[in-house]
Amino acid sequence: FMILIGISSGAASIVVSTLWVELYGMGYLGSIRSL
C-alpha cells in the first residue's frame, strides 16, 4: 500500500510543480504557484 501511494505521491510532486511552467511560463511562477 505504501509503495503504491508513494508512486502517485512522487509523480504528483513533479506534476504539480512543473505543469504550471508548461502552461503559463516562468515570469510569474512564484505568484502562480502560490495560487
Full PDB file with SEQRES, HELIX, SHEET, SSBOND, CRYST1, ORIGX, SCALE, CONECT and MASTER records, all heavy atoms in Angstrom:
SEQRES   1 A   35  PHE MET ILE LEU ILE GLY ILE SER SER GLY ALA ALA SER          
SEQRES   2 A   35  ILE VAL VAL SER THR LEU TRP VAL GLU LEU TYR GLY MET          
SEQRES   3 A   35  GLY TYR LEU GLY SER ILE ARG SER LEU                          
HELIX    1 AA1 MET A    2  TYR A   24  1                                  23    
HELIX    2 AA2 LEU A   29  SER A   34  1                                   6    
CRYST1    1.000    1.000    1.000  90.00  90.00  90.00 P 1           1          
ORIGX1      1.000000  0.000000  0.000000        0.00000                         
ORIGX2      0.000000  1.000000  0.000000        0.00000                         
ORIGX3      0.000000  0.000000  1.000000        0.00000                         
SCALE1      1.000000  0.000000  0.000000        0.00000                         
SCALE2      0.000000  1.000000  0.000000        0.00000                         
SCALE3      0.000000  0.000000  1.000000        0.00000                         
ATOM      1  N   PHE A   1       0.826  -1.202   0.000  1.00  0.00           N  
ATOM      2  CA  PHE A   1       0.000   0.000   0.000  1.00  0.00           C  
ATOM      3  C   PHE A   1       0.865   1.258   0.000  1.00  0.00           C  
ATOM      4  O   PHE A   1       0.617   2.198  -0.761  1.00  0.00           O  
ATOM      5  CB  PHE A   1      -0.906  -0.020   1.235  1.00  0.00           C  
ATOM      6  CG  PHE A   1      -1.641   1.268   1.485  1.00  0.00           C  
ATOM      7  CD1 PHE A   1      -2.611   1.723   0.609  1.00  0.00           C  
ATOM      8  CD2 PHE A   1      -1.364   2.023   2.617  1.00  0.00           C  
ATOM      9  CE1 PHE A   1      -3.288   2.909   0.844  1.00  0.00           C  
ATOM     10  CE2 PHE A   1      -2.027   3.214   2.862  1.00  0.00           C  
ATOM     11  CZ  PHE A   1      -2.998   3.655   1.974  1.00  0.00           C  
ATOM     12  N   MET A   2       1.895   1.266   0.834  1.00  0.00           N  
ATOM     13  CA  MET A   2       2.775   2.429   0.911  1.00  0.00           C  
ATOM     14  C   MET A   2       3.539   2.640  -0.392  1.00  0.00           C  
ATOM     15  O   MET A   2       3.787   3.781  -0.805  1.00  0.00           O  
ATOM     16  CB  MET A   2       3.748   2.258   2.082  1.00  0.00           C  
ATOM     17  CG  MET A   2       3.074   2.205   3.444  1.00  0.00           C  
ATOM     18  SD  MET A   2       2.250   3.745   3.876  1.00  0.00           S  
ATOM     19  CE  MET A   2       3.544   4.600   4.734  1.00  0.00           C  
ATOM     20  N   ILE A   3       3.917   1.564  -1.047  1.00  0.00           N  
ATOM     21  CA  ILE A   3       4.616   1.670  -2.332  1.00  0.00           C  
ATOM     22  C   ILE A   3       3.703   2.306  -3.385  1.00  0.00           C  
ATOM     23  O   ILE A   3       4.116   3.212  -4.123  1.00  0.00           O  
ATOM     24  CB  ILE A   3       5.101   0.293  -2.806  1.00  0.00           C  
ATOM     25  CG1 ILE A   3       6.266  -0.190  -1.927  1.00  0.00           C  
ATOM     26  CG2 ILE A   3       5.538   0.342  -4.272  1.00  0.00           C  
ATOM     27  CD1 ILE A   3       6.682  -1.619  -2.197  1.00  0.00           C  
ATOM     28  N   LEU A   4       2.468   1.854  -3.454  1.00  0.00           N  
ATOM     29  CA  LEU A   4       1.541   2.346  -4.474  1.00  0.00           C  
ATOM     30  C   LEU A   4       1.208   3.821  -4.275  1.00  0.00           C  
ATOM     31  O   LEU A   4       1.231   4.613  -5.230  1.00  0.00           O  
ATOM     32  CB  LEU A   4       0.265   1.507  -4.471  1.00  0.00           C  
ATOM     33  CG  LEU A   4       0.418   0.078  -5.007  1.00  0.00           C  
ATOM     34  CD1 LEU A   4      -0.848  -0.724  -4.753  1.00  0.00           C  
ATOM     35  CD2 LEU A   4       0.744   0.099  -6.500  1.00  0.00           C  
ATOM     36  N   ILE A   5       0.917   4.215  -3.027  1.00  0.00           N  
ATOM     37  CA  ILE A   5       0.612   5.637  -2.823  1.00  0.00           C  
ATOM     38  C   ILE A   5       1.886   6.470  -2.943  1.00  0.00           C  
ATOM     39  O   ILE A   5       1.831   7.663  -3.287  1.00  0.00           O  
ATOM     40  CB  ILE A   5      -0.084   5.891  -1.473  1.00  0.00           C  
ATOM     41  CG1 ILE A   5       0.836   5.584  -0.283  1.00  0.00           C  
ATOM     42  CG2 ILE A   5      -1.367   5.103  -1.373  1.00  0.00           C  
ATOM     43  CD1 ILE A   5       0.231   6.015   1.044  1.00  0.00           C  
ATOM     44  N   GLY A   6       3.035   5.845  -2.700  1.00  0.00           N  
ATOM     45  CA  GLY A   6       4.306   6.548  -2.883  1.00  0.00           C  
ATOM     46  C   GLY A   6       4.574   6.865  -4.347  1.00  0.00           C  
ATOM     47  O   GLY A   6       5.111   7.928  -4.674  1.00  0.00           O  
ATOM     48  N   ILE A   7       4.219   5.939  -5.232  1.00  0.00           N  
ATOM     49  CA  ILE A   7       4.395   6.174  -6.671  1.00  0.00           C  
ATOM     50  C   ILE A   7       3.580   7.383  -7.116  1.00  0.00           C  
ATOM     51  O   ILE A   7       4.080   8.278  -7.805  1.00  0.00           O  
ATOM     52  CB  ILE A   7       3.991   4.922  -7.470  1.00  0.00           C  
ATOM     53  CG1 ILE A   7       4.973   3.770  -7.189  1.00  0.00           C  
ATOM     54  CG2 ILE A   7       3.946   5.228  -8.966  1.00  0.00           C  
ATOM     55  CD1 ILE A   7       4.555   2.450  -7.802  1.00  0.00           C  
ATOM     56  N   SER A   8       2.316   7.423  -6.705  1.00  0.00           N  
ATOM     57  CA  SER A   8       1.475   8.563  -7.076  1.00  0.00           C  
ATOM     58  C   SER A   8       1.952   9.855  -6.424  1.00  0.00           C  
ATOM     59  O   SER A   8       1.914  10.922  -7.042  1.00  0.00           O  
ATOM     60  CB  SER A   8       0.017   8.293  -6.687  1.00  0.00           C  
ATOM     61  OG  SER A   8      -0.588   7.376  -7.569  1.00  0.00           O  
ATOM     62  N   SER A   9       2.420   9.766  -5.187  1.00  0.00           N  
ATOM     63  CA  SER A   9       2.902  10.962  -4.497  1.00  0.00           C  
ATOM     64  C   SER A   9       4.147  11.524  -5.174  1.00  0.00           C  
ATOM     65  O   SER A   9       4.279  12.746  -5.345  1.00  0.00           O  
ATOM     66  CB  SER A   9       3.204  10.646  -3.026  1.00  0.00           C  
ATOM     67  OG  SER A   9       2.034  10.286  -2.335  1.00  0.00           O  
ATOM     68  N   GLY A  10       5.064  10.641  -5.560  1.00  0.00           N  
ATOM     69  CA  GLY A  10       6.269  11.086  -6.244  1.00  0.00           C  
ATOM     70  C   GLY A  10       5.958  11.727  -7.584  1.00  0.00           C  
ATOM     71  O   GLY A  10       6.502  12.781  -7.923  1.00  0.00           O  
ATOM     72  N   ALA A  11       5.069  11.100  -8.340  1.00  0.00           N  
ATOM     73  CA  ALA A  11       4.676  11.667  -9.628  1.00  0.00           C  
ATOM     74  C   ALA A  11       3.917  12.973  -9.449  1.00  0.00           C  
ATOM     75  O   ALA A  11       4.110  13.929 -10.207  1.00  0.00           O  
ATOM     76  CB  ALA A  11       3.821  10.659 -10.398  1.00  0.00           C  
ATOM     77  N   ALA A  12       3.058  13.032  -8.429  1.00  0.00           N  
ATOM     78  CA  ALA A  12       2.268  14.242  -8.188  1.00  0.00           C  
ATOM     79  C   ALA A  12       3.156  15.430  -7.852  1.00  0.00           C  
ATOM     80  O   ALA A  12       2.868  16.560  -8.267  1.00  0.00           O  
ATOM     81  CB  ALA A  12       1.270  13.999  -7.053  1.00  0.00           C  
ATOM     82  N   SER A  13       4.234  15.195  -7.122  1.00  0.00           N  
ATOM     83  CA  SER A  13       5.124  16.296  -6.754  1.00  0.00           C  
ATOM     84  C   SER A  13       5.746  16.938  -7.982  1.00  0.00           C  
ATOM     85  O   SER A  13       5.969  18.152  -8.011  1.00  0.00           O  
ATOM     86  CB  SER A  13       6.219  15.791  -5.810  1.00  0.00           C  
ATOM     87  OG  SER A  13       7.060  14.843  -6.453  1.00  0.00           O  
ATOM     88  N   ILE A  14       6.018  16.131  -9.011  1.00  0.00           N  
ATOM     89  CA  ILE A  14       6.555  16.667 -10.259  1.00  0.00           C  
ATOM     90  C   ILE A  14       5.459  17.344 -11.078  1.00  0.00           C  
ATOM     91  O   ILE A  14       5.642  18.445 -11.609  1.00  0.00           O  
ATOM     92  CB  ILE A  14       7.214  15.551 -11.086  1.00  0.00           C  
ATOM     93  CG1 ILE A  14       8.419  14.965 -10.323  1.00  0.00           C  
ATOM     94  CG2 ILE A  14       7.647  16.068 -12.448  1.00  0.00           C  
ATOM     95  CD1 ILE A  14       9.561  15.931 -10.140  1.00  0.00           C  
ATOM     96  N   VAL A  15       4.306  16.705 -11.179  1.00  0.00           N  
ATOM     97  CA  VAL A  15       3.194  17.253 -11.957  1.00  0.00           C  
ATOM     98  C   VAL A  15       2.779  18.621 -11.426  1.00  0.00           C  
ATOM     99  O   VAL A  15       2.663  19.602 -12.174  1.00  0.00           O  
ATOM    100  CB  VAL A  15       1.989  16.291 -11.949  1.00  0.00           C  
ATOM    101  CG1 VAL A  15       0.758  16.972 -12.547  1.00  0.00           C  
ATOM    102  CG2 VAL A  15       2.304  15.028 -12.725  1.00  0.00           C  
ATOM    103  N   VAL A  16       2.551  18.705 -10.124  1.00  0.00           N  
ATOM    104  CA  VAL A  16       2.068  19.948  -9.525  1.00  0.00           C  
ATOM    105  C   VAL A  16       3.086  21.072  -9.668  1.00  0.00           C  
ATOM    106  O   VAL A  16       2.725  22.247  -9.760  1.00  0.00           O  
ATOM    107  CB  VAL A  16       1.722  19.713  -8.038  1.00  0.00           C  
ATOM    108  CG1 VAL A  16       1.404  21.017  -7.335  1.00  0.00           C  
ATOM    109  CG2 VAL A  16       0.539  18.762  -7.920  1.00  0.00           C  
ATOM    110  N   SER A  17       4.371  20.716  -9.705  1.00  0.00           N  
ATOM    111  CA  SER A  17       5.420  21.737  -9.736  1.00  0.00           C  
ATOM    112  C   SER A  17       5.812  22.168 -11.142  1.00  0.00           C  
ATOM    113  O   SER A  17       6.271  23.293 -11.332  1.00  0.00           O  
ATOM    114  CB  SER A  17       6.661  21.211  -9.003  1.00  0.00           C  
ATOM    115  OG  SER A  17       6.371  20.924  -7.650  1.00  0.00           O  
ATOM    116  N   THR A  18       5.665  21.296 -12.137  1.00  0.00           N  
ATOM    117  CA  THR A  18       6.129  21.626 -13.493  1.00  0.00           C  
ATOM    118  C   THR A  18       5.016  21.966 -14.469  1.00  0.00           C  
ATOM    119  O   THR A  18       5.264  22.622 -15.481  1.00  0.00           O  
ATOM    120  CB  THR A  18       6.941  20.454 -14.084  1.00  0.00           C  
ATOM    121  OG1 THR A  18       6.094  19.287 -14.180  1.00  0.00           O  
ATOM    122  CG2 THR A  18       8.145  20.136 -13.209  1.00  0.00           C  
ATOM    123  N   LEU A  19       3.810  21.539 -14.193  1.00  0.00           N  
ATOM    124  CA  LEU A  19       2.713  21.779 -15.133  1.00  0.00           C  
ATOM    125  C   LEU A  19       2.482  23.269 -15.353  1.00  0.00           C  
ATOM    126  O   LEU A  19       2.217  23.705 -16.479  1.00  0.00           O  
ATOM    127  CB  LEU A  19       1.429  21.124 -14.625  1.00  0.00           C  
ATOM    128  CG  LEU A  19       0.205  21.239 -15.541  1.00  0.00           C  
ATOM    129  CD1 LEU A  19       0.468  20.553 -16.880  1.00  0.00           C  
ATOM    130  CD2 LEU A  19      -1.032  20.658 -14.871  1.00  0.00           C  
ATOM    131  N   TRP A  20       2.622  24.053 -14.285  1.00  0.00           N  
ATOM    132  CA  TRP A  20       2.349  25.486 -14.402  1.00  0.00           C  
ATOM    133  C   TRP A  20       3.371  26.189 -15.283  1.00  0.00           C  
ATOM    134  O   TRP A  20       3.045  27.187 -15.937  1.00  0.00           O  
ATOM    135  CB  TRP A  20       2.295  26.111 -13.011  1.00  0.00           C  
ATOM    136  CG  TRP A  20       1.442  25.331 -12.069  1.00  0.00           C  
ATOM    137  CD1 TRP A  20       1.805  24.767 -10.885  1.00  0.00           C  
ATOM    138  CD2 TRP A  20       0.058  24.986 -12.257  1.00  0.00           C  
ATOM    139  NE1 TRP A  20       0.750  24.103 -10.317  1.00  0.00           N  
ATOM    140  CE2 TRP A  20      -0.340  24.219 -11.140  1.00  0.00           C  
ATOM    141  CE3 TRP A  20      -0.879  25.253 -13.253  1.00  0.00           C  
ATOM    142  CZ2 TRP A  20      -1.623  23.724 -10.994  1.00  0.00           C  
ATOM    143  CZ3 TRP A  20      -2.169  24.749 -13.109  1.00  0.00           C  
ATOM    144  CH2 TRP A  20      -2.531  23.998 -11.995  1.00  0.00           C  
ATOM    145  N   VAL A  21       4.608  25.712 -15.287  1.00  0.00           N  
ATOM    146  CA  VAL A  21       5.623  26.301 -16.165  1.00  0.00           C  
ATOM    147  C   VAL A  21       5.264  26.029 -17.618  1.00  0.00           C  
ATOM    148  O   VAL A  21       5.395  26.904 -18.481  1.00  0.00           O  
ATOM    149  CB  VAL A  21       7.020  25.741 -15.836  1.00  0.00           C  
ATOM    150  CG1 VAL A  21       8.063  26.346 -16.765  1.00  0.00           C  
ATOM    151  CG2 VAL A  21       7.376  26.017 -14.383  1.00  0.00           C  
ATOM    152  N   GLU A  22       4.813  24.813 -17.907  1.00  0.00           N  
ATOM    153  CA  GLU A  22       4.425  24.472 -19.279  1.00  0.00           C  
ATOM    154  C   GLU A  22       3.197  25.255 -19.720  1.00  0.00           C  
ATOM    155  O   GLU A  22       3.094  25.686 -20.879  1.00  0.00           O  
ATOM    156  CB  GLU A  22       4.141  22.971 -19.386  1.00  0.00           C  
ATOM    157  CG  GLU A  22       5.380  22.099 -19.227  1.00  0.00           C  
ATOM    158  CD  GLU A  22       5.081  20.631 -19.496  1.00  0.00           C  
ATOM    159  OE1 GLU A  22       4.031  20.342 -20.095  1.00  0.00           O  
ATOM    160  OE2 GLU A  22       5.902  19.785 -19.105  1.00  0.00           O  
ATOM    161  N   LEU A  23       2.265  25.454 -18.813  1.00  0.00           N  
ATOM    162  CA  LEU A  23       1.026  26.142 -19.166  1.00  0.00           C  
ATOM    163  C   LEU A  23       1.177  27.653 -19.220  1.00  0.00           C  
ATOM    164  O   LEU A  23       0.675  28.312 -20.132  1.00  0.00           O  
ATOM    165  CB  LEU A  23      -0.070  25.784 -18.160  1.00  0.00           C  
ATOM    166  CG  LEU A  23      -0.671  24.381 -18.222  1.00  0.00           C  
ATOM    167  CD1 LEU A  23      -1.630  24.177 -17.064  1.00  0.00           C  
ATOM    168  CD2 LEU A  23      -1.371  24.135 -19.540  1.00  0.00           C  
ATOM    169  N   TYR A  24       1.896  28.208 -18.226  1.00  0.00           N  
ATOM    170  CA  TYR A  24       1.836  29.652 -18.026  1.00  0.00           C  
ATOM    171  C   TYR A  24       3.186  30.363 -18.026  1.00  0.00           C  
ATOM    172  O   TYR A  24       3.238  31.566 -17.774  1.00  0.00           O  
ATOM    173  CB  TYR A  24       1.110  29.950 -16.709  1.00  0.00           C  
ATOM    174  CG  TYR A  24      -0.258  29.308 -16.646  1.00  0.00           C  
ATOM    175  CD1 TYR A  24      -0.590  28.403 -15.637  1.00  0.00           C  
ATOM    176  CD2 TYR A  24      -1.221  29.597 -17.611  1.00  0.00           C  
ATOM    177  CE1 TYR A  24      -1.851  27.815 -15.585  1.00  0.00           C  
ATOM    178  CE2 TYR A  24      -2.485  29.008 -17.575  1.00  0.00           C  
ATOM    179  CZ  TYR A  24      -2.784  28.113 -16.551  1.00  0.00           C  
ATOM    180  OH  TYR A  24      -4.028  27.538 -16.519  1.00  0.00           O  
ATOM    181  N   GLY A  25       4.285  29.655 -18.294  1.00  0.00           N  
ATOM    182  CA  GLY A  25       5.576  30.307 -18.387  1.00  0.00           C  
ATOM    183  C   GLY A  25       6.244  30.531 -17.036  1.00  0.00           C  
ATOM    184  O   GLY A  25       5.734  30.145 -15.985  1.00  0.00           O  
ATOM    185  N   MET A  26       7.416  31.203 -17.067  1.00  0.00           N  
ATOM    186  CA  MET A  26       8.266  31.332 -15.892  1.00  0.00           C  
ATOM    187  C   MET A  26       8.163  32.691 -15.207  1.00  0.00           C  
ATOM    188  O   MET A  26       8.518  32.839 -14.049  1.00  0.00           O  
ATOM    189  CB  MET A  26       9.731  31.113 -16.315  1.00  0.00           C  
ATOM    190  CG  MET A  26      10.706  30.962 -15.170  1.00  0.00           C  
ATOM    191  SD  MET A  26      10.631  29.335 -14.412  1.00  0.00           S  
ATOM    192  CE  MET A  26      11.379  28.350 -15.728  1.00  0.00           C  
ATOM    193  N   GLY A  27       7.660  33.712 -15.915  1.00  0.00           N  
ATOM    194  CA  GLY A  27       7.743  35.082 -15.421  1.00  0.00           C  
ATOM    195  C   GLY A  27       7.101  35.324 -14.077  1.00  0.00           C  
ATOM    196  O   GLY A  27       7.632  36.070 -13.252  1.00  0.00           O  
ATOM    197  N   TYR A  28       5.932  34.716 -13.835  1.00  0.00           N  
ATOM    198  CA  TYR A  28       5.209  34.926 -12.582  1.00  0.00           C  
ATOM    199  C   TYR A  28       5.015  33.595 -11.847  1.00  0.00           C  
ATOM    200  O   TYR A  28       3.986  33.362 -11.220  1.00  0.00           O  
ATOM    201  CB  TYR A  28       3.850  35.576 -12.854  1.00  0.00           C  
ATOM    202  CG  TYR A  28       3.958  36.932 -13.511  1.00  0.00           C  
ATOM    203  CD1 TYR A  28       3.918  37.055 -14.896  1.00  0.00           C  
ATOM    204  CD2 TYR A  28       4.111  38.083 -12.745  1.00  0.00           C  
ATOM    205  CE1 TYR A  28       4.028  38.301 -15.504  1.00  0.00           C  
ATOM    206  CE2 TYR A  28       4.219  39.328 -13.346  1.00  0.00           C  
ATOM    207  CZ  TYR A  28       4.179  39.427 -14.728  1.00  0.00           C  
ATOM    208  OH  TYR A  28       4.294  40.661 -15.330  1.00  0.00           O  
ATOM    209  N   LEU A  29       6.029  32.746 -11.940  1.00  0.00           N  
ATOM    210  CA  LEU A  29       5.915  31.401 -11.381  1.00  0.00           C  
ATOM    211  C   LEU A  29       5.615  31.431  -9.890  1.00  0.00           C  
ATOM    212  O   LEU A  29       4.816  30.647  -9.388  1.00  0.00           O  
ATOM    213  CB  LEU A  29       7.203  30.619 -11.646  1.00  0.00           C  
ATOM    214  CG  LEU A  29       7.253  29.203 -11.061  1.00  0.00           C  
ATOM    215  CD1 LEU A  29       6.133  28.345 -11.621  1.00  0.00           C  
ATOM    216  CD2 LEU A  29       8.614  28.559 -11.338  1.00  0.00           C  
ATOM    217  N   GLY A  30       6.275  32.324  -9.153  1.00  0.00           N  
ATOM    218  CA  GLY A  30       6.072  32.379  -7.712  1.00  0.00           C  
ATOM    219  C   GLY A  30       4.630  32.670  -7.340  1.00  0.00           C  
ATOM    220  O   GLY A  30       4.040  31.976  -6.503  1.00  0.00           O  
ATOM    221  N   SER A  31       4.046  33.673  -7.952  1.00  0.00           N  
ATOM    222  CA  SER A  31       2.666  34.044  -7.625  1.00  0.00           C  
ATOM    223  C   SER A  31       1.672  33.009  -8.138  1.00  0.00           C  
ATOM    224  O   SER A  31       0.673  32.710  -7.467  1.00  0.00           O  
ATOM    225  CB  SER A  31       2.333  35.422  -8.193  1.00  0.00           C  
ATOM    226  OG  SER A  31       2.478  35.443  -9.599  1.00  0.00           O  
ATOM    227  N   ILE A  32       1.928  32.442  -9.311  1.00  0.00           N  
ATOM    228  CA  ILE A  32       1.016  31.422  -9.853  1.00  0.00           C  
ATOM    229  C   ILE A  32       1.084  30.146  -9.029  1.00  0.00           C  
ATOM    230  O   ILE A  32       0.058  29.552  -8.691  1.00  0.00           O  
ATOM    231  CB  ILE A  32       1.339  31.134 -11.331  1.00  0.00           C  
ATOM    232  CG1 ILE A  32       1.016  32.358 -12.187  1.00  0.00           C  
ATOM    233  CG2 ILE A  32       0.567  29.921 -11.837  1.00  0.00           C  
ATOM    234  CD1 ILE A  32       1.438  32.231 -13.630  1.00  0.00           C  
ATOM    235  N   ARG A  33       2.308  29.732  -8.683  1.00  0.00           N  
ATOM    236  CA  ARG A  33       2.427  28.519  -7.890  1.00  0.00           C  
ATOM    237  C   ARG A  33       1.845  28.708  -6.490  1.00  0.00           C  
ATOM    238  O   ARG A  33       1.273  27.777  -5.920  1.00  0.00           O  
ATOM    239  CB  ARG A  33       3.889  28.068  -7.785  1.00  0.00           C  
ATOM    240  CG  ARG A  33       4.019  26.692  -7.152  1.00  0.00           C  
ATOM    241  CD  ARG A  33       5.432  26.217  -6.994  1.00  0.00           C  
ATOM    242  NE  ARG A  33       5.447  24.882  -6.401  1.00  0.00           N  
ATOM    243  CZ  ARG A  33       5.339  24.652  -5.095  1.00  0.00           C  
ATOM    244  NH1 ARG A  33       5.213  25.664  -4.246  1.00  0.00           N  
ATOM    245  NH2 ARG A  33       5.345  23.418  -4.638  1.00  0.00           N  
ATOM    246  N   SER A  34       1.976  29.912  -5.922  1.00  0.00           N  
ATOM    247  CA  SER A  34       1.382  30.154  -4.611  1.00  0.00           C  
ATOM    248  C   SER A  34      -0.134  30.072  -4.683  1.00  0.00           C  
ATOM    249  O   SER A  34      -0.790  29.603  -3.746  1.00  0.00           O  
ATOM    250  CB  SER A  34       1.819  31.512  -4.055  1.00  0.00           C  
ATOM    251  OG  SER A  34       1.330  32.573  -4.845  1.00  0.00           O  
ATOM    252  N   LEU A  35      -0.711  30.523  -5.807  1.00  0.00           N  
ATOM    253  CA  LEU A  35      -2.148  30.379  -6.019  1.00  0.00           C  
ATOM    254  C   LEU A  35      -2.535  28.910  -6.037  1.00  0.00           C  
ATOM    255  O   LEU A  35      -3.468  28.480  -5.330  1.00  0.00           O  
ATOM    256  CB  LEU A  35      -2.543  31.040  -7.337  1.00  0.00           C  
ATOM    257  CG  LEU A  35      -3.906  30.662  -7.933  1.00  0.00           C  
ATOM    258  CD1 LEU A  35      -5.030  31.156  -7.034  1.00  0.00           C  
ATOM    259  CD2 LEU A  35      -4.056  31.222  -9.346  1.00  0.00           C  
TER     260      LEU A  35                                                      
MASTER        0    0    0    2    0    0    0    6  259    1    0    3          
END                                                                             
